[in-house]
């Protein structure tokens, strides 16, 4: 494949929407959760599964309990998904709007689940 074709494919990929939304990582040993958002839910799930496979945690909030229980004690669970209006995006401002929407959705889930103290890995805002 020539360089120009690779560049075209890469550009098309970066402009294609991937599933975006909110997920939680749940500790099956104690029920605690970590709520996160992503502009690429499938990518987030793949990174998490790779972390488990390699038993290499990159999330500081989970470190102590990951070391204690191991990666097998944690599960990735999708909470909410945002459906894009279009299949592709060419304007960075439009992408920023989606990022703001994903961030707001994450805040709503944190408010709903209250993942603080014994219920989760978040720290209350001061």
C-alpha atoms as a PDB file:
ATOM      1  CA  UNK A   1       0.000   0.000   0.000  1.00  0.00           C
ATOM      2  CA  UNK A   2       1.444   3.365  -0.946  1.00  0.00           C
ATOM      3  CA  UNK A   3       1.928   6.294   1.434  1.00  0.00           C
ATOM      4  CA  UNK A   4      -0.890   8.374  -0.029  1.00  0.00           C
ATOM      5  CA  UNK A   5      -3.422   5.551   0.393  1.00  0.00           C
ATOM      6  CA  UNK A   6      -2.311   4.968   4.002  1.00  0.00           C
ATOM      7  CA  UNK A   7      -2.727   8.673   4.703  1.00  0.00           C
ATOM      8  CA  UNK A   8      -6.237   8.658   3.212  1.00  0.00           C
ATOM      9  CA  UNK A   9      -7.258   5.634   5.291  1.00  0.00           C
ATOM     10  CA  UNK A  10      -5.821   7.153   8.471  1.00  0.00           C
ATOM     11  CA  UNK A  11      -7.672  10.406   7.832  1.00  0.00           C
ATOM     12  CA  UNK A  12     -10.937   8.568   7.189  1.00  0.00           C
ATOM     13  CA  UNK A  13     -10.486   6.604  10.423  1.00  0.00           C
ATOM     14  CA  UNK A  14      -9.849   9.711  12.531  1.00  0.00           C
ATOM     15  CA  UNK A  15     -12.993  11.330  11.123  1.00  0.00           C
ATOM     16  CA  UNK A  16     -15.213   8.309  11.801  1.00  0.00           C
ATOM     17  CA  UNK A  17     -17.190   8.339  15.021  1.00  0.00           C
ATOM     18  CA  UNK A  18     -16.634   5.495  17.372  1.00  0.00           C
ATOM     19  CA  UNK A  19     -19.065   4.573  20.138  1.00  0.00           C
ATOM     20  CA  UNK A  20     -18.689   7.119  22.929  1.00  0.00           C
ATOM     21  CA  UNK A  21     -20.142   7.283  26.383  1.00  0.00           C
ATOM     22  CA  UNK A  22     -19.731   6.309  30.028  1.00  0.00           C
ATOM     23  CA  UNK A  23     -18.537   3.082  31.608  1.00  0.00           C
ATOM     24  CA  UNK A  24     -17.665   1.784  35.023  1.00  0.00           C
ATOM     25  CA  UNK A  25     -15.024  -0.586  36.245  1.00  0.00           C
ATOM     26  CA  UNK A  26     -16.564  -2.717  38.977  1.00  0.00           C
ATOM     27  CA  UNK A  27     -14.684  -4.615  41.657  1.00  0.00           C
ATOM     28  CA  UNK A  28     -16.560  -7.911  42.061  1.00  0.00           C
ATOM     29  CA  UNK A  29     -14.969  -8.495  45.479  1.00  0.00           C
ATOM     30  CA  UNK A  30     -16.504  -5.447  47.161  1.00  0.00           C
ATOM     31  CA  UNK A  31     -18.821  -3.803  44.616  1.00  0.00           C
ATOM     32  CA  UNK A  32     -16.824  -0.559  44.414  1.00  0.00           C
ATOM     33  CA  UNK A  33     -16.884   1.227  41.057  1.00  0.00           C
ATOM     34  CA  UNK A  34     -14.804   3.692  39.088  1.00  0.00           C
ATOM     35  CA  UNK A  35     -16.852   5.741  36.598  1.00  0.00           C
ATOM     36  CA  UNK A  36     -15.097   6.943  33.464  1.00  0.00           C
ATOM     37  CA  UNK A  37     -16.032   8.366  30.085  1.00  0.00           C
ATOM     38  CA  UNK A  38     -14.521   7.833  26.674  1.00  0.00           C
ATOM     39  CA  UNK A  39     -14.819   9.097  23.138  1.00  0.00           C
ATOM     40  CA  UNK A  40     -14.067   5.489  22.109  1.00  0.00           C
ATOM     41  CA  UNK A  41     -15.827   2.916  24.305  1.00  0.00           C
ATOM     42  CA  UNK A  42     -14.519  -0.046  22.332  1.00  0.00           C
ATOM     43  CA  UNK A  43     -10.972   1.266  22.679  1.00  0.00           C
ATOM     44  CA  UNK A  44     -11.480   1.777  26.433  1.00  0.00           C
ATOM     45  CA  UNK A  45     -12.796  -1.788  26.765  1.00  0.00           C
ATOM     46  CA  UNK A  46      -9.841  -3.154  24.761  1.00  0.00           C
ATOM     47  CA  UNK A  47      -7.327  -1.252  26.926  1.00  0.00           C
ATOM     48  CA  UNK A  48      -8.997  -2.557  30.068  1.00  0.00           C
ATOM     49  CA  UNK A  49      -8.992  -6.162  28.809  1.00  0.00           C
ATOM     50  CA  UNK A  50      -5.327  -5.800  27.864  1.00  0.00           C
ATOM     51  CA  UNK A  51      -4.568  -4.495  31.373  1.00  0.00           C
ATOM     52  CA  UNK A  52      -6.281  -7.548  32.843  1.00  0.00           C
ATOM     53  CA  UNK A  53      -4.503  -9.928  30.489  1.00  0.00           C
ATOM     54  CA  UNK A  54      -1.115  -8.433  31.332  1.00  0.00           C
ATOM     55  CA  UNK A  55      -2.091  -7.912  35.006  1.00  0.00           C
ATOM     56  CA  UNK A  56      -0.756  -4.390  34.639  1.00  0.00           C
ATOM     57  CA  UNK A  57      -3.045  -1.735  36.094  1.00  0.00           C
ATOM     58  CA  UNK A  58      -2.631   1.819  34.770  1.00  0.00           C
ATOM     59  CA  UNK A  59      -5.460   3.333  36.829  1.00  0.00           C
ATOM     60  CA  UNK A  60      -4.046   4.826  40.042  1.00  0.00           C
ATOM     61  CA  UNK A  61      -7.453   4.789  41.753  1.00  0.00           C
ATOM     62  CA  UNK A  62      -7.506   0.983  41.542  1.00  0.00           C
ATOM     63  CA  UNK A  63      -3.869   0.262  42.407  1.00  0.00           C
ATOM     64  CA  UNK A  64      -4.200  -0.972  45.992  1.00  0.00           C
ATOM     65  CA  UNK A  65      -7.163  -3.226  45.342  1.00  0.00           C
ATOM     66  CA  UNK A  66      -5.828  -4.403  41.976  1.00  0.00           C
ATOM     67  CA  UNK A  67      -2.679  -5.509  43.784  1.00  0.00           C
ATOM     68  CA  UNK A  68      -4.784  -7.179  46.486  1.00  0.00           C
ATOM     69  CA  UNK A  69      -7.421  -8.953  44.342  1.00  0.00           C
ATOM     70  CA  UNK A  70      -5.807  -9.090  40.910  1.00  0.00           C
ATOM     71  CA  UNK A  71      -7.194  -7.922  37.588  1.00  0.00           C
ATOM     72  CA  UNK A  72      -9.683 -10.794  37.419  1.00  0.00           C
ATOM     73  CA  UNK A  73     -11.730  -9.158  40.173  1.00  0.00           C
ATOM     74  CA  UNK A  74     -12.573  -6.187  37.939  1.00  0.00           C
ATOM     75  CA  UNK A  75     -15.124  -5.926  35.146  1.00  0.00           C
ATOM     76  CA  UNK A  76     -15.785  -3.309  32.456  1.00  0.00           C
ATOM     77  CA  UNK A  77     -19.471  -2.345  32.246  1.00  0.00           C
ATOM     78  CA  UNK A  78     -20.892   0.126  29.743  1.00  0.00           C
ATOM     79  CA  UNK A  79     -23.373   2.493  31.400  1.00  0.00           C
ATOM     80  CA  UNK A  80     -24.457   4.861  28.653  1.00  0.00           C
ATOM     81  CA  UNK A  81     -23.755   5.514  24.996  1.00  0.00           C
ATOM     82  CA  UNK A  82     -24.088   8.660  22.905  1.00  0.00           C
ATOM     83  CA  UNK A  83     -25.239   8.244  19.353  1.00  0.00           C
ATOM     84  CA  UNK A  84     -23.629  10.706  16.942  1.00  0.00           C
ATOM     85  CA  UNK A  85     -25.801  12.643  14.537  1.00  0.00           C
ATOM     86  CA  UNK A  86     -23.478  11.840  11.648  1.00  0.00           C
ATOM     87  CA  UNK A  87     -21.115   8.998  10.814  1.00  0.00           C
ATOM     88  CA  UNK A  88     -18.132  11.295  10.331  1.00  0.00           C
ATOM     89  CA  UNK A  89     -16.899  14.589  11.720  1.00  0.00           C
ATOM     90  CA  UNK A  90     -14.813  17.100   9.812  1.00  0.00           C
ATOM     91  CA  UNK A  91     -15.062  20.022  12.233  1.00  0.00           C
ATOM     92  CA  UNK A  92     -13.060  19.939  15.491  1.00  0.00           C
ATOM     93  CA  UNK A  93     -15.693  22.184  17.132  1.00  0.00           C
ATOM     94  CA  UNK A  94     -18.279  19.459  16.564  1.00  0.00           C
ATOM     95  CA  UNK A  95     -15.996  16.902  18.196  1.00  0.00           C
ATOM     96  CA  UNK A  96     -15.572  19.246  21.190  1.00  0.00           C
ATOM     97  CA  UNK A  97     -19.364  19.396  21.577  1.00  0.00           C
ATOM     98  CA  UNK A  98     -19.470  15.619  21.786  1.00  0.00           C
ATOM     99  CA  UNK A  99     -16.635  15.620  24.328  1.00  0.00           C
ATOM    100  CA  UNK A 100     -18.578  18.108  26.457  1.00  0.00           C
ATOM    101  CA  UNK A 101     -21.671  15.911  26.191  1.00  0.00           C
ATOM    102  CA  UNK A 102     -19.717  12.797  27.232  1.00  0.00           C
ATOM    103  CA  UNK A 103     -18.181  14.659  30.196  1.00  0.00           C
ATOM    104  CA  UNK A 104     -21.606  15.913  31.326  1.00  0.00           C
ATOM    105  CA  UNK A 105     -23.034  12.406  31.045  1.00  0.00           C
ATOM    106  CA  UNK A 106     -20.203  11.071  33.220  1.00  0.00           C
ATOM    107  CA  UNK A 107     -20.980  13.690  35.861  1.00  0.00           C
ATOM    108  CA  UNK A 108     -24.636  12.613  35.848  1.00  0.00           C
ATOM    109  CA  UNK A 109     -23.636   8.982  36.384  1.00  0.00           C
ATOM    110  CA  UNK A 110     -21.292   9.931  39.215  1.00  0.00           C
ATOM    111  CA  UNK A 111     -24.105  11.906  40.811  1.00  0.00           C
ATOM    112  CA  UNK A 112     -26.480   8.964  40.392  1.00  0.00           C
ATOM    113  CA  UNK A 113     -24.116   6.207  41.598  1.00  0.00           C
ATOM    114  CA  UNK A 114     -22.304   8.210  44.298  1.00  0.00           C
ATOM    115  CA  UNK A 115     -19.119   6.121  43.921  1.00  0.00           C
ATOM    116  CA  UNK A 116     -17.415   7.544  47.018  1.00  0.00           C
ATOM    117  CA  UNK A 117     -15.968   5.887  50.105  1.00  0.00           C
ATOM    118  CA  UNK A 118     -17.162   2.292  50.429  1.00  0.00           C
ATOM    119  CA  UNK A 119     -19.147   2.569  47.176  1.00  0.00           C
ATOM    120  CA  UNK A 120     -16.370   3.568  44.841  1.00  0.00           C
ATOM    121  CA  UNK A 121     -12.988   4.963  43.969  1.00  0.00           C
ATOM    122  CA  UNK A 122     -13.929   8.615  43.512  1.00  0.00           C
ATOM    123  CA  UNK A 123     -13.164  11.380  45.959  1.00  0.00           C
ATOM    124  CA  UNK A 124     -15.931  13.865  46.770  1.00  0.00           C
ATOM    125  CA  UNK A 125     -15.399  17.331  45.327  1.00  0.00           C
ATOM    126  CA  UNK A 126     -14.489  19.877  47.970  1.00  0.00           C
END
